[in-house]
Amino acid sequence: MARRLTHKQQRRIKQNQQQKLEQHQSSDAPTLSATVITNFGKTIIAELDNKELIRCNPRQNLEQIVCGDKVLIQKLENKDAVVSAILDRNSLLKKPGFGGKLKPMAANIDQVVIVMAVKPEPNSYLIDRYLVATENLDARGLILLNKTDLAEENSVPKTILNDYKKLGYTVLPTSTKDAESIIKLHAELDNKTSIMVGLSGVGKSSLINTLLPDHDIRVGEVSEASGEGTHTTTSSILYHLPEGGDIIDSPGVRDFGLWNTTEDDVLYGFKEIRHLAGQCKFSDCKHEVEPGCVINQAIEDKIISQQRFRNYKKIIQEYT
């Protein structure tokens, strides 16, 4: 689950990072900035500013380093390299690990690409679950209606997706067989670090292969840098898109749900509801039968869709 950081947490992180930067400045070892491309175990493959891939290990007492992290690296006299600081993150996506404990998966994500397919018809509840996580990540949500080449004439499910357009989300029809749609997708990915999510069978892998014609070459480069063989392809890997922007291909985050979620998190995920929720007559309004409930009035006035509100209540029941 993505979780927004409180101001107190942000201040503490900045203080910790400042201490690490000061430690850097007091060291004689040369310091290089880099982006983490992938990690497996305690071995990290990072990309320097000159695009060179370098294998390194984290210093002790650093929190877990993940794909997408911006880090500082020092090359030691014995030619080993170590990550000595993690720079401030603007976002962090987590998923449950052993024992249900949340495990960091990817950092500094600007955009979550939610992939649906023409068949079966997109499920609004699933889309809203993804959007709750996306909004709490403070990332942009982009919704793809993929495999449009399989749609029968006039059968593309526009109604359900029009609701998201009205809310300000970009909804893009795509097909790997439609070059124009891929060009439009590239434009939406430009200058952003994106991650794709969606159920199996909606065509995520085909889209990534189409977006990344040099995919296999990159996997080979990462495998060579790791010295561990091609099993590194099971880890999250950050790729540079030829048209601009980056995309994280992460098998572990493609199908994620909501964990350790609070009612406030769910409310924040429904932006049209959160903007009105504080205006109800009673501060503890559950938006059911209470008098003076502006949410119920907004549903009656069709400002908030009945389906979105049902999904909001269902997510609260199932995940909080």
C-alpha atoms as a PDB file:
ATOM      1  CA  MET A   1       0.000   0.000   0.000  1.00  0.00           C
ATOM      2  CA  ALA A   2       1.197   3.504  -0.748  1.00  0.00           C
ATOM      3  CA  ARG A   3       1.131   5.794   2.254  1.00  0.00           C
ATOM      4  CA  ARG A   4       1.448   9.572   2.346  1.00  0.00           C
ATOM      5  CA  LEU A   5       4.116  10.770   4.777  1.00  0.00           C
ATOM      6  CA  THR A   6       3.127  13.092   7.595  1.00  0.00           C
ATOM      7  CA  HIS A   7       4.962  16.410   7.950  1.00  0.00           C
ATOM      8  CA  LYS A   8       6.689  15.024  11.037  1.00  0.00           C
ATOM      9  CA  GLN A   9       7.911  11.983   9.096  1.00  0.00           C
ATOM     10  CA  GLN A  10       9.098  14.192   6.235  1.00  0.00           C
ATOM     11  CA  ARG A  11      11.084  16.368   8.648  1.00  0.00           C
ATOM     12  CA  ARG A  12      12.655  13.322  10.298  1.00  0.00           C
ATOM     13  CA  ILE A  13      13.648  11.856   6.916  1.00  0.00           C
ATOM     14  CA  LYS A  14      15.243  15.141   5.851  1.00  0.00           C
ATOM     15  CA  GLN A  15      17.178  15.344   9.123  1.00  0.00           C
ATOM     16  CA  ASN A  16      18.467  11.792   8.646  1.00  0.00           C
ATOM     17  CA  GLN A  17      19.423  12.477   5.046  1.00  0.00           C
ATOM     18  CA  GLN A  18      21.252  15.676   6.047  1.00  0.00           C
ATOM     19  CA  GLN A  19      23.308  13.708   8.565  1.00  0.00           C
ATOM     20  CA  LYS A  20      24.222  11.188   5.859  1.00  0.00           C
ATOM     21  CA  LEU A  21      25.209  13.959   3.441  1.00  0.00           C
ATOM     22  CA  GLU A  22      27.440  15.510   6.094  1.00  0.00           C
ATOM     23  CA  GLN A  23      29.101  12.126   6.585  1.00  0.00           C
ATOM     24  CA  HIS A  24      29.755  12.070   2.831  1.00  0.00           C
ATOM     25  CA  GLN A  25      31.389  15.453   2.884  1.00  0.00           C
ATOM     26  CA  SER A  26      33.752  14.350   5.656  1.00  0.00           C
ATOM     27  CA  SER A  27      34.880  11.280   3.701  1.00  0.00           C
ATOM     28  CA  ASP A  28      37.854  11.191   1.337  1.00  0.00           C
ATOM     29  CA  ALA A  29      36.218   8.644  -0.981  1.00  0.00           C
ATOM     30  CA  PRO A  30      34.775  10.127  -4.218  1.00  0.00           C
ATOM     31  CA  THR A  31      30.980  10.472  -4.153  1.00  0.00           C
ATOM     32  CA  LEU A  32      28.753   9.760  -7.155  1.00  0.00           C
ATOM     33  CA  SER A  33      25.015  10.200  -7.596  1.00  0.00           C
ATOM     34  CA  ALA A  34      23.044   7.310  -9.108  1.00  0.00           C
ATOM     35  CA  THR A  35      19.599   5.792  -9.647  1.00  0.00           C
ATOM     36  CA  VAL A  36      18.839   2.275  -8.437  1.00  0.00           C
ATOM     37  CA  ILE A  37      17.882   0.143 -11.451  1.00  0.00           C
ATOM     38  CA  THR A  38      17.223  -3.082  -9.544  1.00  0.00           C
ATOM     39  CA  ASN A  39      18.176  -4.896  -6.371  1.00  0.00           C
ATOM     40  CA  PHE A  40      18.235  -8.504  -5.253  1.00  0.00           C
ATOM     41  CA  GLY A  41      19.256  -9.513  -1.789  1.00  0.00           C
ATOM     42  CA  LYS A  42      21.862  -7.034  -0.601  1.00  0.00           C
ATOM     43  CA  THR A  43      23.259  -6.476  -4.083  1.00  0.00           C
ATOM     44  CA  ILE A  44      22.206  -3.296  -5.855  1.00  0.00           C
ATOM     45  CA  ILE A  45      22.622  -2.348  -9.504  1.00  0.00           C
ATOM     46  CA  ALA A  46      22.674   1.429  -9.876  1.00  0.00           C
ATOM     47  CA  GLU A  47      23.077   3.675 -12.892  1.00  0.00           C
ATOM     48  CA  LEU A  48      25.503   6.577 -12.675  1.00  0.00           C
ATOM     49  CA  ASP A  49      24.828   9.908 -14.333  1.00  0.00           C
ATOM     50  CA  ASN A  50      26.969   8.789 -17.307  1.00  0.00           C
ATOM     51  CA  LYS A  51      24.631   5.748 -17.754  1.00  0.00           C
ATOM     52  CA  GLU A  52      27.270   3.281 -16.485  1.00  0.00           C
ATOM     53  CA  LEU A  53      25.807   0.402 -14.472  1.00  0.00           C
ATOM     54  CA  ILE A  54      27.604  -0.298 -11.214  1.00  0.00           C
ATOM     55  CA  ARG A  55      27.230  -3.103  -8.690  1.00  0.00           C
ATOM     56  CA  CYS A  56      27.286  -2.007  -5.063  1.00  0.00           C
ATOM     57  CA  ASN A  57      26.203  -2.870  -1.532  1.00  0.00           C
ATOM     58  CA  PRO A  58      24.505  -0.644   1.056  1.00  0.00           C
ATOM     59  CA  ARG A  59      26.262   0.615   4.144  1.00  0.00           C
ATOM     60  CA  GLN A  60      24.955  -0.649   7.450  1.00  0.00           C
ATOM     61  CA  ASN A  61      22.013   1.118   9.086  1.00  0.00           C
ATOM     62  CA  LEU A  62      20.459   2.238   5.788  1.00  0.00           C
ATOM     63  CA  GLU A  63      16.807   1.403   5.285  1.00  0.00           C
ATOM     64  CA  GLN A  64      15.934  -0.984   2.480  1.00  0.00           C
ATOM     65  CA  ILE A  65      16.953   0.346  -0.923  1.00  0.00           C
ATOM     66  CA  VAL A  66      14.540  -0.247  -3.802  1.00  0.00           C
ATOM     67  CA  CYS A  67      14.179   0.233  -7.530  1.00  0.00           C
ATOM     68  CA  GLY A  68      13.837   3.924  -8.371  1.00  0.00           C
ATOM     69  CA  ASP A  69      15.759   5.211  -5.351  1.00  0.00           C
ATOM     70  CA  LYS A  70      18.143   8.134  -5.867  1.00  0.00           C
ATOM     71  CA  VAL A  71      21.338   7.372  -3.965  1.00  0.00           C
ATOM     72  CA  LEU A  72      24.898   8.490  -3.305  1.00  0.00           C
ATOM     73  CA  ILE A  73      27.662   5.967  -3.991  1.00  0.00           C
ATOM     74  CA  GLN A  74      31.283   5.878  -2.903  1.00  0.00           C
ATOM     75  CA  LYS A  75      33.973   3.900  -4.703  1.00  0.00           C
ATOM     76  CA  LEU A  76      36.440   2.480  -2.214  1.00  0.00           C
ATOM     77  CA  GLU A  77      40.174   1.818  -2.660  1.00  0.00           C
ATOM     78  CA  ASN A  78      39.610  -1.903  -3.192  1.00  0.00           C
ATOM     79  CA  LYS A  79      37.347  -0.984  -6.180  1.00  0.00           C
ATOM     80  CA  ASP A  80      34.222  -2.033  -4.315  1.00  0.00           C
ATOM     81  CA  ALA A  81      31.324   0.444  -4.288  1.00  0.00           C
ATOM     82  CA  VAL A  82      28.899   1.171  -1.476  1.00  0.00           C
ATOM     83  CA  VAL A  83      25.643   3.073  -1.222  1.00  0.00           C
ATOM     84  CA  SER A  84      26.142   5.461   1.663  1.00  0.00           C
ATOM     85  CA  ALA A  85      22.957   7.571   1.464  1.00  0.00           C
ATOM     86  CA  ILE A  86      19.432   7.428   0.072  1.00  0.00           C
ATOM     87  CA  LEU A  87      18.234  10.822  -1.139  1.00  0.00           C
ATOM     88  CA  ASP A  88      14.769  12.093  -0.270  1.00  0.00           C
ATOM     89  CA  ARG A  89      11.974  10.047  -1.827  1.00  0.00           C
ATOM     90  CA  ASN A  90       8.862  11.682  -3.219  1.00  0.00           C
ATOM     91  CA  SER A  91       6.926   8.408  -2.958  1.00  0.00           C
ATOM     92  CA  LEU A  92       7.296   4.817  -1.800  1.00  0.00           C
ATOM     93  CA  LEU A  93       5.170   1.841  -2.850  1.00  0.00           C
ATOM     94  CA  LYS A  94       4.980  -1.163  -0.514  1.00  0.00           C
ATOM     95  CA  LYS A  95       3.499  -4.650  -0.531  1.00  0.00           C
ATOM     96  CA  PRO A  96       3.175  -7.316   2.182  1.00  0.00           C
ATOM     97  CA  GLY A  97       6.233  -9.472   2.852  1.00  0.00           C
ATOM     98  CA  PHE A  98       6.694 -12.360   5.259  1.00  0.00           C
ATOM     99  CA  GLY A  99       4.269 -12.260   8.161  1.00  0.00           C
ATOM    100  CA  GLY A 100       2.220  -9.544   6.491  1.00  0.00           C
ATOM    101  CA  LYS A 101       4.822  -6.869   7.226  1.00  0.00           C
ATOM    102  CA  LEU A 102       4.903  -4.191   4.547  1.00  0.00           C
ATOM    103  CA  LYS A 103       7.954  -4.356   2.295  1.00  0.00           C
ATOM    104  CA  PRO A 104       9.171  -1.408   0.147  1.00  0.00           C
ATOM    105  CA  MET A 105       9.011  -2.222  -3.574  1.00  0.00           C
ATOM    106  CA  ALA A 106       9.615   0.912  -5.641  1.00  0.00           C
ATOM    107  CA  ALA A 107      10.372   4.572  -4.996  1.00  0.00           C
ATOM    108  CA  ASN A 108       9.933   7.979  -6.656  1.00  0.00           C
ATOM    109  CA  ILE A 109       6.941   6.940  -8.756  1.00  0.00           C
ATOM    110  CA  ASP A 110       5.181   9.832 -10.503  1.00  0.00           C
ATOM    111  CA  GLN A 111       2.467   7.848 -12.255  1.00  0.00           C
ATOM    112  CA  VAL A 112       0.533   4.600 -11.805  1.00  0.00           C
ATOM    113  CA  VAL A 113      -0.687   3.173 -15.122  1.00  0.00           C
ATOM    114  CA  ILE A 114      -3.858   1.151 -14.484  1.00  0.00           C
ATOM    115  CA  VAL A 115      -4.317  -1.338 -17.321  1.00  0.00           C
ATOM    116  CA  MET A 116      -7.769  -2.717 -18.131  1.00  0.00           C
ATOM    117  CA  ALA A 117      -8.785  -4.737 -21.196  1.00  0.00           C
ATOM    118  CA  VAL A 118     -11.819  -4.505 -23.448  1.00  0.00           C
ATOM    119  CA  LYS A 119     -12.798  -8.045 -22.462  1.00  0.00           C
ATOM    120  CA  PRO A 120     -13.822  -8.754 -19.788  1.00  0.00           C
ATOM    121  CA  GLU A 121     -15.445  -5.360 -19.271  1.00  0.00           C
ATOM    122  CA  PRO A 122     -13.490  -3.106 -16.911  1.00  0.00           C
ATOM    123  CA  ASN A 123     -14.435  -3.464 -13.263  1.00  0.00           C
ATOM    124  CA  SER A 124     -14.971  -0.117 -11.535  1.00  0.00           C
ATOM    125  CA  TYR A 125     -14.314  -1.607  -8.096  1.00  0.00           C
ATOM    126  CA  LEU A 126     -10.872  -2.811  -9.185  1.00  0.00           C
ATOM    127  CA  ILE A 127     -10.104   0.554 -10.798  1.00  0.00           C
ATOM    128  CA  ASP A 128     -11.123   2.360  -7.613  1.00  0.00           C
ATOM    129  CA  ARG A 129      -8.924   0.119  -5.476  1.00  0.00           C
ATOM    130  CA  TYR A 130      -5.950   1.024  -7.653  1.00  0.00           C
ATOM    131  CA  LEU A 131      -6.886   4.705  -7.537  1.00  0.00           C
ATOM    132  CA  VAL A 132      -7.042   4.693  -3.724  1.00  0.00           C
ATOM    133  CA  ALA A 133      -3.444   3.465  -3.651  1.00  0.00           C
ATOM    134  CA  THR A 134      -2.446   5.917  -6.400  1.00  0.00           C
ATOM    135  CA  GLU A 135      -3.970   8.956  -4.701  1.00  0.00           C
ATOM    136  CA  ASN A 136      -2.299   8.019  -1.401  1.00  0.00           C
ATOM    137  CA  LEU A 137       0.984   7.746  -3.273  1.00  0.00           C
ATOM    138  CA  ASP A 138       0.316  11.325  -4.443  1.00  0.00           C
ATOM    139  CA  ALA A 139       0.956  10.067  -7.969  1.00  0.00           C
ATOM    140  CA  ARG A 140      -0.942  10.630 -11.196  1.00  0.00           C
ATOM    141  CA  GLY A 141      -3.396   7.936 -12.230  1.00  0.00           C
ATOM    142  CA  LEU A 142      -3.507   6.985 -15.927  1.00  0.00           C
ATOM    143  CA  ILE A 143      -6.167   4.476 -17.022  1.00  0.00           C
ATOM    144  CA  LEU A 144      -5.571   2.366 -20.131  1.00  0.00           C
ATOM    145  CA  LEU A 145      -8.319   0.497 -21.964  1.00  0.00           C
ATOM    146  CA  ASN A 146      -6.107  -2.055 -23.702  1.00  0.00           C
ATOM    147  CA  LYS A 147      -6.721  -4.594 -26.481  1.00  0.00           C
ATOM    148  CA  THR A 148      -9.149  -2.301 -28.279  1.00  0.00           C
ATOM    149  CA  ASP A 149      -8.417  -4.258 -31.477  1.00  0.00           C
ATOM    150  CA  LEU A 150     -10.509  -7.070 -29.987  1.00  0.00           C
ATOM    151  CA  ALA A 151     -13.569  -4.895 -29.460  1.00  0.00           C
ATOM    152  CA  GLU A 152     -16.615  -5.459 -31.580  1.00  0.00           C
ATOM    153  CA  GLU A 153     -18.076  -2.392 -33.283  1.00  0.00           C
ATOM    154  CA  ASN A 154     -19.666  -0.004 -30.771  1.00  0.00           C
ATOM    155  CA  SER A 155     -18.890  -2.414 -27.920  1.00  0.00           C
ATOM    156  CA  VAL A 156     -16.055  -0.498 -26.237  1.00  0.00           C
ATOM    157  CA  PRO A 157     -17.241   0.046 -22.636  1.00  0.00           C
ATOM    158  CA  LYS A 158     -17.276   3.842 -22.670  1.00  0.00           C
ATOM    159  CA  THR A 159     -19.846   4.530 -19.952  1.00  0.00           C
ATOM    160  CA  ILE A 160     -17.836   3.246 -17.018  1.00  0.00           C
ATOM    161  CA  LEU A 161     -14.685   5.016 -18.187  1.00  0.00           C
ATOM    162  CA  ASN A 162     -16.434   8.334 -18.890  1.00  0.00           C
ATOM    163  CA  ASP A 163     -17.038   8.620 -15.141  1.00  0.00           C
ATOM    164  CA  TYR A 164     -13.266   8.714 -14.620  1.00  0.00           C
ATOM    165  CA  LYS A 165     -12.772  11.281 -17.383  1.00  0.00           C
ATOM    166  CA  LYS A 166     -15.270  13.541 -15.627  1.00  0.00           C
ATOM    167  CA  LEU A 167     -13.150  13.256 -12.485  1.00  0.00           C
ATOM    168  CA  GLY A 168     -10.097  14.491 -14.389  1.00  0.00           C
ATOM    169  CA  TYR A 169      -8.352  11.162 -14.968  1.00  0.00           C
ATOM    170  CA  THR A 170      -6.840  10.505 -18.388  1.00  0.00           C
ATOM    171  CA  VAL A 171      -8.357   7.422 -20.034  1.00  0.00           C
ATOM    172  CA  LEU A 172      -6.466   6.161 -23.079  1.00  0.00           C
ATOM    173  CA  PRO A 173      -7.561   3.381 -25.502  1.00  0.00           C
ATOM    174  CA  THR A 174      -4.534   1.283 -26.479  1.00  0.00           C
ATOM    175  CA  SER A 175      -3.578  -1.671 -28.622  1.00  0.00           C
ATOM    176  CA  THR A 176      -0.154  -3.029 -29.523  1.00  0.00           C
ATOM    177  CA  LYS A 177      -1.533  -3.295 -33.075  1.00  0.00           C
ATOM    178  CA  ASP A 178      -2.419   0.409 -33.213  1.00  0.00           C
ATOM    179  CA  ALA A 179       0.748   2.485 -33.659  1.00  0.00           C
ATOM    180  CA  GLU A 180      -1.072   5.769 -33.080  1.00  0.00           C
ATOM    181  CA  SER A 181      -2.306   4.655 -29.647  1.00  0.00           C
ATOM    182  CA  ILE A 182       1.250   3.685 -28.657  1.00  0.00           C
ATOM    183  CA  ILE A 183       2.489   7.128 -29.732  1.00  0.00           C
ATOM    184  CA  LYS A 184      -0.172   8.700 -27.495  1.00  0.00           C
ATOM    185  CA  LEU A 185       0.859   6.405 -24.635  1.00  0.00           C
ATOM    186  CA  HIS A 186       4.507   7.443 -25.041  1.00  0.00           C
ATOM    187  CA  ALA A 187       3.393  11.078 -24.714  1.00  0.00           C
ATOM    188  CA  GLU A 188       1.627  10.289 -21.408  1.00  0.00           C
ATOM    189  CA  LEU A 189       4.752   8.538 -20.079  1.00  0.00           C
ATOM    190  CA  ASP A 190       7.220  11.254 -21.094  1.00  0.00           C
ATOM    191  CA  ASN A 191       9.138  12.964 -18.253  1.00  0.00           C
ATOM    192  CA  LYS A 192       7.603  10.664 -15.639  1.00  0.00           C
ATOM    193  CA  THR A 193       8.579   7.524 -13.746  1.00  0.00           C
ATOM    194  CA  SER A 194       5.634   5.159 -14.190  1.00  0.00           C
ATOM    195  CA  ILE A 195       4.654   1.706 -12.952  1.00  0.00           C
ATOM    196  CA  MET A 196       2.008  -0.538 -14.548  1.00  0.00           C
ATOM    197  CA  VAL A 197      -0.633  -2.396 -12.548  1.00  0.00           C
ATOM    198  CA  GLY A 198      -3.511  -4.620 -13.615  1.00  0.00           C
ATOM    199  CA  LEU A 199      -4.754  -8.178 -13.539  1.00  0.00           C
ATOM    200  CA  SER A 200      -3.116 -10.960 -15.512  1.00  0.00           C
ATOM    201  CA  GLY A 201      -4.251 -11.160 -19.121  1.00  0.00           C
ATOM    202  CA  VAL A 202      -4.862  -7.461 -19.718  1.00  0.00           C
ATOM    203  CA  GLY A 203      -1.721  -7.156 -21.844  1.00  0.00           C
ATOM    204  CA  LYS A 204       0.783  -5.398 -19.568  1.00  0.00           C
ATOM    205  CA  SER A 205       3.756  -7.465 -20.779  1.00  0.00           C
ATOM    206  CA  SER A 206       2.867  -6.910 -24.441  1.00  0.00           C
ATOM    207  CA  LEU A 207       2.613  -3.175 -23.848  1.00  0.00           C
ATOM    208  CA  ILE A 208       5.988  -3.057 -22.102  1.00  0.00           C
ATOM    209  CA  ASN A 209       7.626  -5.070 -24.891  1.00  0.00           C
ATOM    210  CA  THR A 210       6.138  -2.668 -27.445  1.00  0.00           C
ATOM    211  CA  LEU A 211       7.264   0.385 -25.480  1.00  0.00           C
ATOM    212  CA  LEU A 212      10.742  -1.077 -24.962  1.00  0.00           C
ATOM    213  CA  PRO A 213      12.131  -2.492 -28.228  1.00  0.00           C
ATOM    214  CA  ASP A 214      15.540  -2.965 -26.494  1.00  0.00           C
ATOM    215  CA  HIS A 215      14.023  -4.764 -23.499  1.00  0.00           C
ATOM    216  CA  ASP A 216      16.117  -7.925 -23.879  1.00  0.00           C
ATOM    217  CA  ILE A 217      19.323  -5.919 -24.332  1.00  0.00           C
ATOM    218  CA  ARG A 218      18.662  -4.057 -21.079  1.00  0.00           C
ATOM    219  CA  VAL A 219      17.976  -7.293 -19.206  1.00  0.00           C
ATOM    220  CA  GLY A 220      21.298  -8.636 -20.498  1.00  0.00           C
ATOM    221  CA  GLU A 221      23.157  -5.527 -19.366  1.00  0.00           C
ATOM    222  CA  VAL A 222      21.656  -5.719 -15.886  1.00  0.00           C
ATOM    223  CA  SER A 223      22.386  -9.442 -15.641  1.00  0.00           C
ATOM    224  CA  GLU A 224      25.996  -8.883 -16.699  1.00  0.00           C
ATOM    225  CA  ALA A 225      26.446  -6.079 -14.162  1.00  0.00           C
ATOM    226  CA  SER A 226      24.950  -8.194 -11.392  1.00  0.00           C
ATOM    227  CA  GLY A 227      27.196 -11.181 -12.076  1.00  0.00           C
ATOM    228  CA  GLU A 228      24.294 -13.333 -10.926  1.00  0.00           C
ATOM    229  CA  GLY A 229      22.836 -14.474 -14.228  1.00  0.00           C
ATOM    230  CA  THR A 230      19.429 -13.855 -15.749  1.00  0.00           C
ATOM    231  CA  HIS A 231      17.450 -14.640 -12.602  1.00  0.00           C
ATOM    232  CA  THR A 232      17.639 -10.901 -11.916  1.00  0.00           C
ATOM    233  CA  THR A 233      14.799 -10.519 -14.434  1.00  0.00           C
ATOM    234  CA  THR A 234      12.405 -11.626 -11.669  1.00  0.00           C
ATOM    235  CA  SER A 235      13.232  -8.425  -9.763  1.00  0.00           C
ATOM    236  CA  SER A 236      11.815  -4.958 -10.363  1.00  0.00           C
ATOM    237  CA  ILE A 237      13.816  -3.197 -13.079  1.00  0.00           C
ATOM    238  CA  LEU A 238      13.716   0.466 -14.125  1.00  0.00           C
ATOM    239  CA  TYR A 239      13.879   1.046 -17.885  1.00  0.00           C
ATOM    240  CA  HIS A 240      14.439   4.243 -19.846  1.00  0.00           C
ATOM    241  CA  LEU A 241      11.803   4.709 -22.520  1.00  0.00           C
ATOM    242  CA  PRO A 242      13.203   5.658 -25.944  1.00  0.00           C
ATOM    243  CA  GLU A 243      10.687   8.505 -26.279  1.00  0.00           C
ATOM    244  CA  GLY A 244      11.426   9.846 -22.773  1.00  0.00           C
ATOM    245  CA  GLY A 245      10.464   8.921 -19.238  1.00  0.00           C
ATOM    246  CA  ASP A 246      11.102   5.770 -17.226  1.00  0.00           C
ATOM    247  CA  ILE A 247       8.975   2.738 -16.498  1.00  0.00           C
ATOM    248  CA  ILE A 248       9.374   0.217 -13.678  1.00  0.00           C
ATOM    249  CA  ASP A 249       8.521  -3.358 -14.638  1.00  0.00           C
ATOM    250  CA  SER A 250       7.780  -5.033 -11.331  1.00  0.00           C
ATOM    251  CA  PRO A 251       6.155  -8.474 -11.196  1.00  0.00           C
ATOM    252  CA  GLY A 252       5.608  -8.032  -7.464  1.00  0.00           C
ATOM    253  CA  VAL A 253       3.508  -4.878  -7.808  1.00  0.00           C
ATOM    254  CA  ARG A 254       1.456  -5.632 -10.885  1.00  0.00           C
ATOM    255  CA  ASP A 255      -1.429  -7.050  -8.843  1.00  0.00           C
ATOM    256  CA  PHE A 256      -1.498  -5.184  -5.559  1.00  0.00           C
ATOM    257  CA  GLY A 257      -4.310  -4.592  -3.137  1.00  0.00           C
ATOM    258  CA  LEU A 258      -4.749  -2.405  -0.081  1.00  0.00           C
ATOM    259  CA  TRP A 259      -3.073  -3.274   3.202  1.00  0.00           C
ATOM    260  CA  ASN A 260      -2.871  -1.443   6.522  1.00  0.00           C
ATOM    261  CA  THR A 261      -5.469   0.940   5.133  1.00  0.00           C
ATOM    262  CA  THR A 262      -7.411   3.421   7.261  1.00  0.00           C
ATOM    263  CA  GLU A 263     -10.768   5.038   6.564  1.00  0.00           C
ATOM    264  CA  ASP A 264      -8.918   8.314   6.042  1.00  0.00           C
ATOM    265  CA  ASP A 265      -6.749   6.637   3.379  1.00  0.00           C
ATOM    266  CA  VAL A 266      -9.842   5.390   1.551  1.00  0.00           C
ATOM    267  CA  LEU A 267     -11.485   8.794   1.765  1.00  0.00           C
ATOM    268  CA  TYR A 268      -8.357  10.432   0.369  1.00  0.00           C
ATOM    269  CA  GLY A 269      -8.468   7.996  -2.551  1.00  0.00           C
ATOM    270  CA  PHE A 270     -11.889   9.266  -3.697  1.00  0.00           C
ATOM    271  CA  LYS A 271     -11.072  12.871  -4.513  1.00  0.00           C
ATOM    272  CA  GLU A 272     -14.625  13.977  -5.297  1.00  0.00           C
ATOM    273  CA  ILE A 273     -15.798  12.603  -1.922  1.00  0.00           C
ATOM    274  CA  ARG A 274     -12.912  13.941   0.172  1.00  0.00           C
ATOM    275  CA  HIS A 275     -13.503  17.479  -1.120  1.00  0.00           C
ATOM    276  CA  LEU A 276     -17.037  17.425   0.318  1.00  0.00           C
ATOM    277  CA  ALA A 277     -16.758  15.109   3.341  1.00  0.00           C
ATOM    278  CA  GLY A 278     -15.724  17.835   5.800  1.00  0.00           C
ATOM    279  CA  GLN A 279     -18.827  19.885   4.976  1.00  0.00           C
ATOM    280  CA  CYS A 280     -21.381  17.508   6.507  1.00  0.00           C
ATOM    281  CA  LYS A 281     -23.464  18.790   9.432  1.00  0.00           C
ATOM    282  CA  PHE A 282     -21.914  16.255  11.815  1.00  0.00           C
ATOM    283  CA  SER A 283     -18.141  15.776  11.978  1.00  0.00           C
ATOM    284  CA  ASP A 284     -18.533  12.006  12.482  1.00  0.00           C
ATOM    285  CA  CYS A 285     -20.991  11.594   9.602  1.00  0.00           C
ATOM    286  CA  LYS A 286     -20.900   8.103   8.063  1.00  0.00           C
ATOM    287  CA  HIS A 287     -22.706   9.335   4.928  1.00  0.00           C
ATOM    288  CA  GLU A 288     -25.599   6.939   5.407  1.00  0.00           C
ATOM    289  CA  VAL A 289     -28.851   8.395   6.813  1.00  0.00           C
ATOM    290  CA  GLU A 290     -27.531  11.328   8.838  1.00  0.00           C
ATOM    291  CA  PRO A 291     -29.302  14.684   8.311  1.00  0.00           C
ATOM    292  CA  GLY A 292     -27.231  17.379   6.661  1.00  0.00           C
ATOM    293  CA  CYS A 293     -24.991  14.899   4.815  1.00  0.00           C
ATOM    294  CA  VAL A 294     -23.530  16.712   1.816  1.00  0.00           C
ATOM    295  CA  ILE A 295     -22.270  13.439   0.329  1.00  0.00           C
ATOM    296  CA  ASN A 296     -25.771  11.978   0.066  1.00  0.00           C
ATOM    297  CA  GLN A 297     -26.983  15.263  -1.395  1.00  0.00           C
ATOM    298  CA  ALA A 298     -24.142  15.199  -3.954  1.00  0.00           C
ATOM    299  CA  ILE A 299     -25.138  11.642  -4.944  1.00  0.00           C
ATOM    300  CA  GLU A 300     -28.743  12.757  -5.359  1.00  0.00           C
ATOM    301  CA  ASP A 301     -27.564  15.691  -7.472  1.00  0.00           C
ATOM    302  CA  LYS A 302     -25.368  13.280  -9.513  1.00  0.00           C
ATOM    303  CA  ILE A 303     -22.204  15.146  -8.548  1.00  0.00           C
ATOM    304  CA  ILE A 304     -20.887  11.877  -7.063  1.00  0.00           C
ATOM    305  CA  SER A 305     -21.733   8.674  -8.934  1.00  0.00           C
ATOM    306  CA  GLN A 306     -23.697   6.048  -7.022  1.00  0.00           C
ATOM    307  CA  GLN A 307     -21.281   3.349  -8.213  1.00  0.00           C
ATOM    308  CA  ARG A 308     -18.215   5.202  -6.943  1.00  0.00           C
ATOM    309  CA  PHE A 309     -19.876   5.738  -3.562  1.00  0.00           C
ATOM    310  CA  ARG A 310     -20.768   2.012  -3.341  1.00  0.00           C
ATOM    311  CA  ASN A 311     -17.141   1.158  -4.108  1.00  0.00           C
ATOM    312  CA  TYR A 312     -15.984   3.629  -1.445  1.00  0.00           C
ATOM    313  CA  LYS A 313     -18.149   1.932   1.210  1.00  0.00           C
ATOM    314  CA  LYS A 314     -17.127  -1.558   0.054  1.00  0.00           C
ATOM    315  CA  ILE A 315     -13.402  -0.778   0.250  1.00  0.00           C
ATOM    316  CA  ILE A 316     -13.865   0.539   3.798  1.00  0.00           C
ATOM    317  CA  GLN A 317     -15.705  -2.654   4.781  1.00  0.00           C
ATOM    318  CA  GLU A 318     -13.127  -4.977   3.229  1.00  0.00           C
ATOM    319  CA  TYR A 319      -9.819  -3.250   3.974  1.00  0.00           C
ATOM    320  CA  THR A 320     -10.128  -1.171   7.158  1.00  0.00           C
END
